[in-house]
Amino acid sequence: MNQSFYNFTIGADALRFTFISEGPRPVEKVVLYTDTDWPDFYILSLADLEPDGELNYLSARNNGDLERIMATVAQTLLAFFAHYPAAQVAFAGSTPSRTRLYQIVLARELQAASDKFVISGLLNEAIVPFVTNQTCDGFVVSLPPSAGVS
């Protein structure tokens, strides 16, 4: 992604990132990488941080900065992989329409991102090659083998 991105703060363990989505209703966003029971497998989540400290995974602020938010999430992936190069990161939208939106963004950015990431689809609980027009349940991102990960 060659779009501009927001400056973000990296948590001490590189599993939590925060940034401010600017626009008519500025809002603090949180990108979380949650460890799973599978070795080197994480779940990526994007949420709004509410004033009471709760994370809201369903809000739609419509600040007009979707491209910049997606570019920021991509930048957090790079920072995350700098700490966890062997990791695989799975994600899906909090709703089917958001998962579809992510698929559209990934399809559009696939060629530009392919030198930085390996992008796969999740389909019926299996990791499959990402195909532009195939509906996926979610996605998995990892570093390419050339990144020095064995």
C-alpha atoms as a PDB file:
ATOM      1  CA  MET A   1       0.000   0.000   0.000  1.00  0.00           C
ATOM      2  CA  ASN A   2       1.455   3.288  -1.036  1.00  0.00           C
ATOM      3  CA  GLN A   3      -1.186   5.428   0.672  1.00  0.00           C
ATOM      4  CA  SER A   4      -0.278   7.695   3.526  1.00  0.00           C
ATOM      5  CA  PHE A   5      -0.846   6.233   6.967  1.00  0.00           C
ATOM      6  CA  TYR A   6      -1.359   7.540  10.483  1.00  0.00           C
ATOM      7  CA  ASN A   7       1.462   7.689  12.981  1.00  0.00           C
ATOM      8  CA  PHE A   8       0.910   4.963  15.535  1.00  0.00           C
ATOM      9  CA  THR A   9       2.157   3.934  18.932  1.00  0.00           C
ATOM     10  CA  ILE A  10       3.572   0.439  19.420  1.00  0.00           C
ATOM     11  CA  GLY A  11       2.952  -1.387  22.701  1.00  0.00           C
ATOM     12  CA  ALA A  12       5.968  -2.821  24.530  1.00  0.00           C
ATOM     13  CA  ASP A  13       5.322  -6.351  23.232  1.00  0.00           C
ATOM     14  CA  ALA A  14       4.391  -5.210  19.683  1.00  0.00           C
ATOM     15  CA  LEU A  15       0.947  -6.797  20.082  1.00  0.00           C
ATOM     16  CA  ARG A  16      -1.035  -3.558  20.538  1.00  0.00           C
ATOM     17  CA  PHE A  17      -0.899  -0.510  18.305  1.00  0.00           C
ATOM     18  CA  THR A  18      -2.902   2.709  18.640  1.00  0.00           C
ATOM     19  CA  PHE A  19      -3.528   5.658  16.349  1.00  0.00           C
ATOM     20  CA  ILE A  20      -6.032   8.470  15.849  1.00  0.00           C
ATOM     21  CA  SER A  21      -8.422   8.347  12.895  1.00  0.00           C
ATOM     22  CA  GLU A  22      -8.790  11.979  11.898  1.00  0.00           C
ATOM     23  CA  GLY A  23     -11.938  13.416  10.407  1.00  0.00           C
ATOM     24  CA  PRO A  24     -15.220  14.925  11.516  1.00  0.00           C
ATOM     25  CA  ARG A  25     -15.219  12.611  14.559  1.00  0.00           C
ATOM     26  CA  PRO A  26     -11.594  11.855  15.557  1.00  0.00           C
ATOM     27  CA  VAL A  27     -11.405   8.485  17.239  1.00  0.00           C
ATOM     28  CA  GLU A  28      -8.621   6.415  18.754  1.00  0.00           C
ATOM     29  CA  LYS A  29      -8.185   3.106  16.945  1.00  0.00           C
ATOM     30  CA  VAL A  30      -6.546  -0.015  18.356  1.00  0.00           C
ATOM     31  CA  VAL A  31      -4.937  -2.809  16.351  1.00  0.00           C
ATOM     32  CA  LEU A  32      -4.482  -5.959  18.444  1.00  0.00           C
ATOM     33  CA  TYR A  33      -2.514  -9.095  17.648  1.00  0.00           C
ATOM     34  CA  THR A  34      -3.816 -11.878  19.866  1.00  0.00           C
ATOM     35  CA  ASP A  35      -1.827 -15.060  20.392  1.00  0.00           C
ATOM     36  CA  THR A  36      -3.655 -18.355  19.821  1.00  0.00           C
ATOM     37  CA  ASP A  37      -3.124 -21.964  20.888  1.00  0.00           C
ATOM     38  CA  TRP A  38      -1.305 -22.623  17.590  1.00  0.00           C
ATOM     39  CA  PRO A  39       2.392 -21.782  17.541  1.00  0.00           C
ATOM     40  CA  ASP A  40       3.177 -18.492  15.773  1.00  0.00           C
ATOM     41  CA  PHE A  41      -0.483 -17.941  14.841  1.00  0.00           C
ATOM     42  CA  TYR A  42      -2.154 -14.649  15.776  1.00  0.00           C
ATOM     43  CA  ILE A  43      -5.506 -12.977  15.259  1.00  0.00           C
ATOM     44  CA  LEU A  44      -5.560  -9.347  14.126  1.00  0.00           C
ATOM     45  CA  SER A  45      -8.403  -7.153  15.385  1.00  0.00           C
ATOM     46  CA  LEU A  46      -9.208  -3.517  14.659  1.00  0.00           C
ATOM     47  CA  ALA A  47     -11.401  -1.616  17.098  1.00  0.00           C
ATOM     48  CA  ASP A  48     -12.348   1.842  18.288  1.00  0.00           C
ATOM     49  CA  LEU A  49     -11.268   2.719  21.807  1.00  0.00           C
ATOM     50  CA  GLU A  50     -14.321   4.095  23.590  1.00  0.00           C
ATOM     51  CA  PRO A  51     -14.028   6.817  26.267  1.00  0.00           C
ATOM     52  CA  ASP A  52     -14.685   4.198  28.980  1.00  0.00           C
ATOM     53  CA  GLY A  53     -11.717   2.116  27.772  1.00  0.00           C
ATOM     54  CA  GLU A  54     -13.844  -0.572  26.101  1.00  0.00           C
ATOM     55  CA  LEU A  55     -12.984  -1.764  22.601  1.00  0.00           C
ATOM     56  CA  ASN A  56     -15.773  -1.402  20.040  1.00  0.00           C
ATOM     57  CA  TYR A  57     -15.393  -3.796  17.107  1.00  0.00           C
ATOM     58  CA  LEU A  58     -18.671  -2.845  15.419  1.00  0.00           C
ATOM     59  CA  SER A  59     -18.658   0.958  15.261  1.00  0.00           C
ATOM     60  CA  ALA A  60     -18.777   2.737  11.914  1.00  0.00           C
ATOM     61  CA  ARG A  61     -17.473   6.300  12.278  1.00  0.00           C
ATOM     62  CA  ASN A  62     -17.329   6.985   8.532  1.00  0.00           C
ATOM     63  CA  ASN A  63     -14.526   9.529   8.885  1.00  0.00           C
ATOM     64  CA  GLY A  64     -13.746   9.284   5.171  1.00  0.00           C
ATOM     65  CA  ASP A  65     -10.273   7.884   5.869  1.00  0.00           C
ATOM     66  CA  LEU A  66     -10.728   4.162   5.161  1.00  0.00           C
ATOM     67  CA  GLU A  67      -7.716   4.008   2.837  1.00  0.00           C
ATOM     68  CA  ARG A  68      -5.499   5.673   5.423  1.00  0.00           C
ATOM     69  CA  ILE A  69      -6.764   3.338   8.166  1.00  0.00           C
ATOM     70  CA  MET A  70      -6.075   0.254   6.003  1.00  0.00           C
ATOM     71  CA  ALA A  71      -2.603   1.600   5.156  1.00  0.00           C
ATOM     72  CA  THR A  72      -1.975   2.117   8.880  1.00  0.00           C
ATOM     73  CA  VAL A  73      -3.013  -1.460   9.658  1.00  0.00           C
ATOM     74  CA  ALA A  74      -0.610  -2.648   6.927  1.00  0.00           C
ATOM     75  CA  GLN A  75       2.163  -0.635   8.584  1.00  0.00           C
ATOM     76  CA  THR A  76       1.371  -2.249  11.949  1.00  0.00           C
ATOM     77  CA  LEU A  77       1.748  -5.629  10.240  1.00  0.00           C
ATOM     78  CA  LEU A  78       5.266  -4.659   9.174  1.00  0.00           C
ATOM     79  CA  ALA A  79       6.108  -3.571  12.718  1.00  0.00           C
ATOM     80  CA  PHE A  80       4.531  -6.734  14.165  1.00  0.00           C
ATOM     81  CA  PHE A  81       6.481  -8.988  11.776  1.00  0.00           C
ATOM     82  CA  ALA A  82       9.723  -7.218  12.736  1.00  0.00           C
ATOM     83  CA  HIS A  83       9.177  -8.713  16.219  1.00  0.00           C
ATOM     84  CA  TYR A  84       7.493 -11.984  15.157  1.00  0.00           C
ATOM     85  CA  PRO A  85       8.894 -12.881  11.706  1.00  0.00           C
ATOM     86  CA  ALA A  86       7.681 -16.505  11.780  1.00  0.00           C
ATOM     87  CA  ALA A  87       4.098 -15.509  12.592  1.00  0.00           C
ATOM     88  CA  GLN A  88       0.960 -15.979  10.581  1.00  0.00           C
ATOM     89  CA  VAL A  89      -1.782 -13.420  11.171  1.00  0.00           C
ATOM     90  CA  ALA A  90      -5.450 -14.199  10.546  1.00  0.00           C
ATOM     91  CA  PHE A  91      -8.217 -11.629  10.314  1.00  0.00           C
ATOM     92  CA  ALA A  92     -11.783 -11.186   9.159  1.00  0.00           C
ATOM     93  CA  GLY A  93     -14.251  -8.371   9.381  1.00  0.00           C
ATOM     94  CA  SER A  94     -16.523  -8.082  12.388  1.00  0.00           C
ATOM     95  CA  THR A  95     -19.402  -8.380   9.905  1.00  0.00           C
ATOM     96  CA  PRO A  96     -19.682 -10.133   6.520  1.00  0.00           C
ATOM     97  CA  SER A  97     -19.762  -6.756   4.748  1.00  0.00           C
ATOM     98  CA  ARG A  98     -16.492  -5.734   6.424  1.00  0.00           C
ATOM     99  CA  THR A  99     -14.878  -9.031   5.438  1.00  0.00           C
ATOM    100  CA  ARG A 100     -15.971  -8.319   1.857  1.00  0.00           C
ATOM    101  CA  LEU A 101     -14.519  -4.807   2.115  1.00  0.00           C
ATOM    102  CA  TYR A 102     -11.192  -6.241   3.292  1.00  0.00           C
ATOM    103  CA  GLN A 103     -11.254  -8.662   0.362  1.00  0.00           C
ATOM    104  CA  ILE A 104     -11.759  -5.773  -2.068  1.00  0.00           C
ATOM    105  CA  VAL A 105      -8.861  -3.832  -0.548  1.00  0.00           C
ATOM    106  CA  LEU A 106      -6.608  -6.918  -0.588  1.00  0.00           C
ATOM    107  CA  ALA A 107      -7.471  -7.692  -4.211  1.00  0.00           C
ATOM    108  CA  ARG A 108      -6.696  -4.119  -5.243  1.00  0.00           C
ATOM    109  CA  GLU A 109      -3.411  -4.045  -3.308  1.00  0.00           C
ATOM    110  CA  LEU A 110      -2.330  -7.642  -3.967  1.00  0.00           C
ATOM    111  CA  GLN A 111       0.388  -6.903  -6.496  1.00  0.00           C
ATOM    112  CA  ALA A 112       1.905  -4.037  -4.486  1.00  0.00           C
ATOM    113  CA  ALA A 113       1.736  -6.042  -1.241  1.00  0.00           C
ATOM    114  CA  SER A 114       3.064  -9.323  -2.656  1.00  0.00           C
ATOM    115  CA  ASP A 115       6.695  -8.289  -2.200  1.00  0.00           C
ATOM    116  CA  LYS A 116       6.063  -7.665   1.522  1.00  0.00           C
ATOM    117  CA  PHE A 117       3.409 -10.237   2.443  1.00  0.00           C
ATOM    118  CA  VAL A 118       2.025 -13.635   1.515  1.00  0.00           C
ATOM    119  CA  ILE A 119      -1.756 -13.271   1.518  1.00  0.00           C
ATOM    120  CA  SER A 120      -3.967 -16.350   1.779  1.00  0.00           C
ATOM    121  CA  GLY A 121      -7.688 -16.840   2.176  1.00  0.00           C
ATOM    122  CA  LEU A 122      -9.576 -18.690   4.880  1.00  0.00           C
ATOM    123  CA  LEU A 123     -12.306 -20.840   3.415  1.00  0.00           C
ATOM    124  CA  ASN A 124     -14.232 -23.442   5.426  1.00  0.00           C
ATOM    125  CA  GLU A 125     -11.526 -23.374   8.131  1.00  0.00           C
ATOM    126  CA  ALA A 126      -8.752 -24.106   5.606  1.00  0.00           C
ATOM    127  CA  ILE A 127      -5.981 -21.783   4.462  1.00  0.00           C
ATOM    128  CA  VAL A 128      -6.172 -21.501   0.672  1.00  0.00           C
ATOM    129  CA  PRO A 129      -4.425 -19.356  -1.935  1.00  0.00           C
ATOM    130  CA  PHE A 130      -5.995 -15.898  -2.128  1.00  0.00           C
ATOM    131  CA  VAL A 131      -7.963 -15.543  -5.350  1.00  0.00           C
ATOM    132  CA  THR A 132      -9.309 -12.119  -6.255  1.00  0.00           C
ATOM    133  CA  ASN A 133     -12.947 -13.022  -6.927  1.00  0.00           C
ATOM    134  CA  GLN A 134     -13.343 -15.894  -4.471  1.00  0.00           C
ATOM    135  CA  THR A 135     -15.375 -15.086  -1.373  1.00  0.00           C
ATOM    136  CA  CYS A 136     -13.374 -15.861   1.762  1.00  0.00           C
ATOM    137  CA  ASP A 137     -14.343 -16.230   5.408  1.00  0.00           C
ATOM    138  CA  GLY A 138     -11.154 -14.405   6.379  1.00  0.00           C
ATOM    139  CA  PHE A 139      -7.521 -13.958   5.461  1.00  0.00           C
ATOM    140  CA  VAL A 140      -4.049 -14.976   6.625  1.00  0.00           C
ATOM    141  CA  VAL A 141      -0.951 -12.859   6.157  1.00  0.00           C
ATOM    142  CA  SER A 142       2.668 -13.896   6.659  1.00  0.00           C
ATOM    143  CA  LEU A 143       6.079 -12.836   5.462  1.00  0.00           C
ATOM    144  CA  PRO A 144       7.357 -14.284   2.201  1.00  0.00           C
ATOM    145  CA  PRO A 145      10.038 -16.985   2.494  1.00  0.00           C
ATOM    146  CA  SER A 146      12.562 -14.537   1.040  1.00  0.00           C
ATOM    147  CA  ALA A 147      12.206 -12.452   4.207  1.00  0.00           C
ATOM    148  CA  GLY A 148      14.587 -14.870   5.883  1.00  0.00           C
ATOM    149  CA  VAL A 149      12.028 -16.842   7.888  1.00  0.00           C
ATOM    150  CA  SER A 150      12.475 -20.595   7.777  1.00  0.00           C
END
